[in-house]
PDB file of N, CA and C in Angstrom:
ATOM      1  N   MET A   1      -1.578   0.711  -0.431  1.00  0.00           N
ATOM      2  CA  MET A   1      -1.035  -0.312  -1.296  1.00  0.00           C
ATOM      3  C   MET A   1      -1.409  -1.675  -0.717  1.00  0.00           C
ATOM      4  N   ALA A   2      -2.168  -2.406  -1.452  1.00  0.00           N
ATOM      5  CA  ALA A   2      -2.624  -3.722  -0.990  1.00  0.00           C
ATOM      6  C   ALA A   2      -1.470  -4.718  -0.989  1.00  0.00           C
ATOM      7  N   LEU A   3      -1.669  -5.763  -0.213  1.00  0.00           N
ATOM      8  CA  LEU A   3      -0.684  -6.839  -0.223  1.00  0.00           C
ATOM      9  C   LEU A   3      -0.614  -7.427  -1.622  1.00  0.00           C
ATOM     10  N   SER A   4       0.578  -7.783  -2.054  1.00  0.00           N
ATOM     11  CA  SER A   4       0.686  -8.429  -3.358  1.00  0.00           C
ATOM     12  C   SER A   4      -0.005  -9.785  -3.300  1.00  0.00           C
ATOM     13  N   LYS A   5      -0.408 -10.257  -4.450  1.00  0.00           N
ATOM     14  CA  LYS A   5      -1.113 -11.546  -4.534  1.00  0.00           C
ATOM     15  C   LYS A   5      -0.269 -12.658  -3.911  1.00  0.00           C
ATOM     16  N   GLN A   6       1.028 -12.641  -4.193  1.00  0.00           N
ATOM     17  CA  GLN A   6       1.922 -13.685  -3.681  1.00  0.00           C
ATOM     18  C   GLN A   6       1.999 -13.650  -2.157  1.00  0.00           C
ATOM     19  N   VAL A   7       2.102 -12.462  -1.588  1.00  0.00           N
ATOM     20  CA  VAL A   7       2.180 -12.332  -0.132  1.00  0.00           C
ATOM     21  C   VAL A   7       0.861 -12.761   0.503  1.00  0.00           C
ATOM     22  N   GLU A   8      -0.247 -12.323  -0.081  1.00  0.00           N
ATOM     23  CA  GLU A   8      -1.553 -12.693   0.465  1.00  0.00           C
ATOM     24  C   GLU A   8      -1.754 -14.210   0.424  1.00  0.00           C
ATOM     25  N   GLU A   9      -1.401 -14.830  -0.689  1.00  0.00           N
ATOM     26  CA  GLU A   9      -1.534 -16.291  -0.797  1.00  0.00           C
ATOM     27  C   GLU A   9      -0.634 -17.003   0.204  1.00  0.00           C
ATOM     28  N   SER A  10       0.575 -16.496   0.390  1.00  0.00           N
ATOM     29  CA  SER A  10       1.499 -17.096   1.356  1.00  0.00           C
ATOM     30  C   SER A  10       0.976 -16.971   2.780  1.00  0.00           C
ATOM     31  N   LEU A  11       0.401 -15.817   3.109  1.00  0.00           N
ATOM     32  CA  LEU A  11      -0.171 -15.632   4.444  1.00  0.00           C
ATOM     33  C   LEU A  11      -1.360 -16.563   4.671  1.00  0.00           C
ATOM     34  N   LYS A  12      -2.191 -16.723   3.648  1.00  0.00           N
ATOM     35  CA  LYS A  12      -3.331 -17.636   3.778  1.00  0.00           C
ATOM     36  C   LYS A  12      -2.860 -19.079   3.946  1.00  0.00           C
ATOM     37  N   ALA A  13      -1.807 -19.451   3.209  1.00  0.00           N
ATOM     38  CA  ALA A  13      -1.258 -20.806   3.346  1.00  0.00           C
ATOM     39  C   ALA A  13      -0.664 -21.004   4.737  1.00  0.00           C
ATOM     40  N   ALA A  14       0.027 -19.983   5.228  1.00  0.00           N
ATOM     41  CA  ALA A  14       0.605 -20.067   6.574  1.00  0.00           C
ATOM     42  C   ALA A  14      -0.500 -20.214   7.615  1.00  0.00           C
ATOM     43  N   GLU A  15      -1.570 -19.462   7.437  1.00  0.00           N
ATOM     44  CA  GLU A  15      -2.694 -19.553   8.375  1.00  0.00           C
ATOM     45  C   GLU A  15      -3.304 -20.955   8.354  1.00  0.00           C
ATOM     46  N   THR A  16      -3.468 -21.502   7.171  1.00  0.00           N
ATOM     47  CA  THR A  16      -4.010 -22.859   7.046  1.00  0.00           C
ATOM     48  C   THR A  16      -3.112 -23.870   7.742  1.00  0.00           C
ATOM     49  N   ASN A  17      -1.807 -23.757   7.521  1.00  0.00           N
ATOM     50  CA  ASN A  17      -0.862 -24.678   8.156  1.00  0.00           C
ATOM     51  C   ASN A  17      -0.857 -24.524   9.676  1.00  0.00           C
ATOM     52  N   LEU A  18      -0.943 -23.292  10.149  1.00  0.00           N
ATOM     53  CA  LEU A  18      -0.986 -23.064  11.591  1.00  0.00           C
ATOM     54  C   LEU A  18      -2.260 -23.636  12.206  1.00  0.00           C
ATOM     55  N   ARG A  19      -3.365 -23.499  11.504  1.00  0.00           N
ATOM     56  CA  ARG A  19      -4.622 -24.074  12.008  1.00  0.00           C
ATOM     57  C   ARG A  19      -4.531 -25.598  12.083  1.00  0.00           C
ATOM     58  N   GLU A  20      -3.897 -26.185  11.084  1.00  0.00           N
ATOM     59  CA  GLU A  20      -3.707 -27.630  11.090  1.00  0.00           C
ATOM     60  C   GLU A  20      -2.816 -28.046  12.262  1.00  0.00           C
ATOM     61  N   ALA A  21      -1.746 -27.298  12.477  1.00  0.00           N
ATOM     62  CA  ALA A  21      -0.858 -27.589  13.604  1.00  0.00           C
ATOM     63  C   ALA A  21      -1.605 -27.448  14.926  1.00  0.00           C
ATOM     64  N   LEU A  22      -2.450 -26.441  15.023  1.00  0.00           N
ATOM     65  CA  LEU A  22      -3.234 -26.234  16.237  1.00  0.00           C
ATOM     66  C   LEU A  22      -4.174 -27.410  16.491  1.00  0.00           C
ATOM     67  N   ALA A  23      -4.780 -27.913  15.436  1.00  0.00           N
ATOM     68  CA  ALA A  23      -5.689 -29.052  15.592  1.00  0.00           C
ATOM     69  C   ALA A  23      -4.946 -30.272  16.135  1.00  0.00           C
ATOM     70  N   PHE A  24      -3.755 -30.526  15.622  1.00  0.00           N
ATOM     71  CA  PHE A  24      -2.967 -31.653  16.122  1.00  0.00           C
ATOM     72  C   PHE A  24      -2.451 -31.382  17.534  1.00  0.00           C
ATOM     73  N   ALA A  25      -2.024 -30.155  17.774  1.00  0.00           N
ATOM     74  CA  ALA A  25      -1.466 -29.801  19.082  1.00  0.00           C
ATOM     75  C   ALA A  25      -2.516 -29.892  20.184  1.00  0.00           C
ATOM     76  N   ALA A  26      -3.758 -29.605  19.844  1.00  0.00           N
ATOM     77  CA  ALA A  26      -4.826 -29.620  20.848  1.00  0.00           C
ATOM     78  C   ALA A  26      -4.985 -30.993  21.497  1.00  0.00           C
ATOM     79  N   ARG A  27      -4.551 -32.016  20.803  1.00  0.00           N
ATOM     80  CA  ARG A  27      -4.700 -33.376  21.323  1.00  0.00           C
ATOM     81  C   ARG A  27      -3.572 -33.800  22.244  1.00  0.00           C
ATOM     82  N   SER A  28      -2.384 -33.210  22.073  1.00  0.00           N
ATOM     83  CA  SER A  28      -1.257 -33.785  22.813  1.00  0.00           C
ATOM     84  C   SER A  28      -0.230 -32.800  23.361  1.00  0.00           C
ATOM     85  N   GLU A  29      -0.311 -31.546  22.993  1.00  0.00           N
ATOM     86  CA  GLU A  29       0.728 -30.607  23.417  1.00  0.00           C
ATOM     87  C   GLU A  29       0.313 -29.834  24.664  1.00  0.00           C
ATOM     88  N   ARG A  30       1.277 -29.159  25.221  1.00  0.00           N
ATOM     89  CA  ARG A  30       1.034 -28.346  26.416  1.00  0.00           C
ATOM     90  C   ARG A  30       0.210 -27.109  26.068  1.00  0.00           C
ATOM     91  N   PRO A  31      -0.565 -26.622  27.023  1.00  0.00           N
ATOM     92  CA  PRO A  31      -1.414 -25.450  26.786  1.00  0.00           C
ATOM     93  C   PRO A  31      -0.646 -24.226  26.285  1.00  0.00           C
ATOM     94  N   PHE A  32       0.585 -24.060  26.747  1.00  0.00           N
ATOM     95  CA  PHE A  32       1.389 -22.915  26.299  1.00  0.00           C
ATOM     96  C   PHE A  32       1.548 -22.927  24.782  1.00  0.00           C
ATOM     97  N   LEU A  33       1.867 -24.083  24.225  1.00  0.00           N
ATOM     98  CA  LEU A  33       2.063 -24.199  22.782  1.00  0.00           C
ATOM     99  C   LEU A  33       0.756 -23.921  22.033  1.00  0.00           C
ATOM    100  N   ILE A  34      -0.331 -24.424  22.560  1.00  0.00           N
ATOM    101  CA  ILE A  34      -1.635 -24.203  21.929  1.00  0.00           C
ATOM    102  C   ILE A  34      -1.975 -22.716  21.927  1.00  0.00           C
ATOM    103  N   ARG A  35      -1.718 -22.058  23.049  1.00  0.00           N
ATOM    104  CA  ARG A  35      -1.981 -20.620  23.137  1.00  0.00           C
ATOM    105  C   ARG A  35      -1.138 -19.846  22.123  1.00  0.00           C
ATOM    106  N   GLU A  36       0.124 -20.211  22.005  1.00  0.00           N
ATOM    107  CA  GLU A  36       1.012 -19.502  21.082  1.00  0.00           C
ATOM    108  C   GLU A  36       0.622 -19.732  19.627  1.00  0.00           C
ATOM    109  N   LEU A  37       0.206 -20.935  19.297  1.00  0.00           N
ATOM    110  CA  LEU A  37      -0.267 -21.189  17.934  1.00  0.00           C
ATOM    111  C   LEU A  37      -1.501 -20.341  17.636  1.00  0.00           C
ATOM    112  N   GLY A  38      -2.398 -20.246  18.595  1.00  0.00           N
ATOM    113  CA  GLY A  38      -3.574 -19.395  18.430  1.00  0.00           C
ATOM    114  C   GLY A  38      -3.195 -17.938  18.236  1.00  0.00           C
ATOM    115  N   ALA A  39      -2.196 -17.496  18.974  1.00  0.00           N
ATOM    116  CA  ALA A  39      -1.735 -16.108  18.842  1.00  0.00           C
ATOM    117  C   ALA A  39      -1.125 -15.863  17.462  1.00  0.00           C
ATOM    118  N   LEU A  40      -0.390 -16.829  16.955  1.00  0.00           N
ATOM    119  CA  LEU A  40       0.191 -16.689  15.615  1.00  0.00           C
ATOM    120  C   LEU A  40      -0.900 -16.599  14.551  1.00  0.00           C
ATOM    121  N   ILE A  41      -1.915 -17.435  14.687  1.00  0.00           N
ATOM    122  CA  ILE A  41      -3.037 -17.392  13.738  1.00  0.00           C
ATOM    123  C   ILE A  41      -3.710 -16.023  13.793  1.00  0.00           C
ATOM    124  N   ALA A  42      -3.948 -15.530  14.996  1.00  0.00           N
ATOM    125  CA  ALA A  42      -4.574 -14.215  15.154  1.00  0.00           C
ATOM    126  C   ALA A  42      -3.706 -13.117  14.550  1.00  0.00           C
ATOM    127  N   SER A  43      -2.405 -13.217  14.714  1.00  0.00           N
ATOM    128  CA  SER A  43      -1.497 -12.211  14.155  1.00  0.00           C
ATOM    129  C   SER A  43      -1.551 -12.188  12.633  1.00  0.00           C
ATOM    130  N   VAL A  44      -1.579 -13.354  12.022  1.00  0.00           N
ATOM    131  CA  VAL A  44      -1.655 -13.426  10.560  1.00  0.00           C
ATOM    132  C   VAL A  44      -2.975 -12.828  10.077  1.00  0.00           C
ATOM    133  N   GLU A  45      -4.077 -13.190  10.725  1.00  0.00           N
ATOM    134  CA  GLU A  45      -5.383 -12.634  10.350  1.00  0.00           C
ATOM    135  C   GLU A  45      -5.397 -11.119  10.524  1.00  0.00           C
ATOM    136  N   ASN A  46      -4.867 -10.650  11.641  1.00  0.00           N
ATOM    137  CA  ASN A  46      -4.829  -9.206  11.897  1.00  0.00           C
ATOM    138  C   ASN A  46      -3.992  -8.481  10.857  1.00  0.00           C
ATOM    139  N   LEU A  47      -2.890  -9.073  10.457  1.00  0.00           N
ATOM    140  CA  LEU A  47      -2.021  -8.464   9.454  1.00  0.00           C
ATOM    141  C   LEU A  47      -2.780  -8.246   8.151  1.00  0.00           C
ATOM    142  N   MET A  48      -3.518  -9.251   7.720  1.00  0.00           N
ATOM    143  CA  MET A  48      -4.286  -9.114   6.474  1.00  0.00           C
ATOM    144  C   MET A  48      -5.413  -8.095   6.631  1.00  0.00           C
ATOM    145  N   ASN A  49      -6.098  -8.105   7.771  1.00  0.00           N
ATOM    146  CA  ASN A  49      -7.203  -7.169   7.991  1.00  0.00           C
ATOM    147  C   ASN A  49      -6.721  -5.732   8.127  1.00  0.00           C
ATOM    148  N   VAL A  50      -5.616  -5.522   8.800  1.00  0.00           N
ATOM    149  CA  VAL A  50      -5.088  -4.168   8.982  1.00  0.00           C
ATOM    150  C   VAL A  50      -4.640  -3.598   7.646  1.00  0.00           C
ATOM    151  N   ASP A  51      -4.069  -4.431   6.788  1.00  0.00           N
ATOM    152  CA  ASP A  51      -3.660  -3.952   5.474  1.00  0.00           C
ATOM    153  C   ASP A  51      -4.873  -3.461   4.686  1.00  0.00           C
ATOM    154  N   GLU A  52      -5.980  -4.200   4.752  1.00  0.00           N
ATOM    155  CA  GLU A  52      -7.217  -3.769   4.087  1.00  0.00           C
ATOM    156  C   GLU A  52      -7.712  -2.450   4.676  1.00  0.00           C
ATOM    157  N   MET A  53      -7.612  -2.315   5.993  1.00  0.00           N
ATOM    158  CA  MET A  53      -8.056  -1.093   6.650  1.00  0.00           C
ATOM    159  C   MET A  53      -7.215   0.100   6.184  1.00  0.00           C
ATOM    160  N   PHE A  54      -5.906  -0.087   6.080  1.00  0.00           N
ATOM    161  CA  PHE A  54      -5.044   0.995   5.606  1.00  0.00           C
ATOM    162  C   PHE A  54      -5.389   1.387   4.172  1.00  0.00           C
ATOM    163  N   ASP A  55      -5.738   0.415   3.343  1.00  0.00           N
ATOM    164  CA  ASP A  55      -6.154   0.731   1.977  1.00  0.00           C
ATOM    165  C   ASP A  55      -7.395   1.614   1.986  1.00  0.00           C
ATOM    166  N   ARG A  56      -8.370   1.279   2.835  1.00  0.00           N
ATOM    167  CA  ARG A  56      -9.589   2.081   2.926  1.00  0.00           C
ATOM    168  C   ARG A  56      -9.290   3.483   3.451  1.00  0.00           C
ATOM    169  N   LEU A  57      -8.382   3.573   4.423  1.00  0.00           N
ATOM    170  CA  LEU A  57      -8.001   4.887   4.951  1.00  0.00           C
ATOM    171  C   LEU A  57      -7.334   5.739   3.880  1.00  0.00           C
ATOM    172  N   ASP A  58      -6.474   5.127   3.077  1.00  0.00           N
ATOM    173  CA  ASP A  58      -5.824   5.863   1.994  1.00  0.00           C
ATOM    174  C   ASP A  58      -6.853   6.449   1.035  1.00  0.00           C
ATOM    175  N   VAL A  59      -7.855   5.662   0.692  1.00  0.00           N
ATOM    176  CA  VAL A  59      -8.913   6.135  -0.205  1.00  0.00           C
ATOM    177  C   VAL A  59      -9.678   7.282   0.449  1.00  0.00           C
ATOM    178  N   ALA A  60     -10.016   7.140   1.715  1.00  0.00           N
ATOM    179  CA  ALA A  60     -10.757   8.190   2.421  1.00  0.00           C
ATOM    180  C   ALA A  60      -9.943   9.476   2.510  1.00  0.00           C
ATOM    181  N   ILE A  61      -8.662   9.352   2.774  1.00  0.00           N
ATOM    182  CA  ILE A  61      -7.797  10.539   2.857  1.00  0.00           C
ATOM    183  C   ILE A  61      -7.693  11.217   1.502  1.00  0.00           C
ATOM    184  N   ASP A  62      -7.505  10.434   0.448  1.00  0.00           N
ATOM    185  CA  ASP A  62      -7.426  11.007  -0.897  1.00  0.00           C
ATOM    186  C   ASP A  62      -8.725  11.713  -1.272  1.00  0.00           C
ATOM    187  N   THR A  63      -9.850  11.119  -0.925  1.00  0.00           N
ATOM    188  CA  THR A  63     -11.150  11.723  -1.212  1.00  0.00           C
ATOM    189  C   THR A  63     -11.310  13.034  -0.454  1.00  0.00           C
ATOM    190  N   ALA A  64     -10.911  13.052   0.804  1.00  0.00           N
ATOM    191  CA  ALA A  64     -11.013  14.273   1.613  1.00  0.00           C
ATOM    192  C   ALA A  64     -10.119  15.374   1.049  1.00  0.00           C
ATOM    193  N   LYS A  65      -8.929  15.024   0.608  1.00  0.00           N
ATOM    194  CA  LYS A  65      -8.018  16.021   0.031  1.00  0.00           C
ATOM    195  C   LYS A  65      -8.595  16.616  -1.242  1.00  0.00           C
ATOM    196  N   LYS A  66      -9.209  15.773  -2.071  1.00  0.00           N
ATOM    197  CA  LYS A  66      -9.802  16.268  -3.315  1.00  0.00           C
ATOM    198  C   LYS A  66     -10.954  17.213  -3.026  1.00  0.00           C
ATOM    199  N   LYS A  67     -11.745  16.921  -1.998  1.00  0.00           N
ATOM    200  CA  LYS A  67     -12.860  17.792  -1.636  1.00  0.00           C
ATOM    201  C   LYS A  67     -12.351  19.133  -1.123  1.00  0.00           C
ATOM    202  N   GLU A  68     -11.237  19.114  -0.393  1.00  0.00           N
ATOM    203  CA  GLU A  68     -10.656  20.359   0.120  1.00  0.00           C
ATOM    204  C   GLU A  68     -10.139  21.228  -1.018  1.00  0.00           C
ATOM    205  N   GLU A  69      -9.627  20.596  -2.060  1.00  0.00           N
ATOM    206  CA  GLU A  69      -9.066  21.340  -3.186  1.00  0.00           C
ATOM    207  C   GLU A  69     -10.143  22.008  -4.025  1.00  0.00           C
ATOM    208  N   GLU A  70     -11.368  21.507  -3.953  1.00  0.00           N
ATOM    209  CA  GLU A  70     -12.459  22.072  -4.770  1.00  0.00           C
ATOM    210  C   GLU A  70     -12.950  23.384  -4.257  1.00  0.00           C
TER     211      GLU A  70
END
């Protein structure tokens, strides 16, 4: 089951906002904060990519089951 359009758009907006915050933070904040912002961005990206991967796995599993039934 793919992410709903609303959730996907919200995650993309969050990623954009986090990237903007990271750009500003890089100029004046402590390294710890910069590292954590980077980790949050990576987590959001991973969440979207893993969901796509699970969708592909579901299709592959369904295809394998159909072949076994034949």
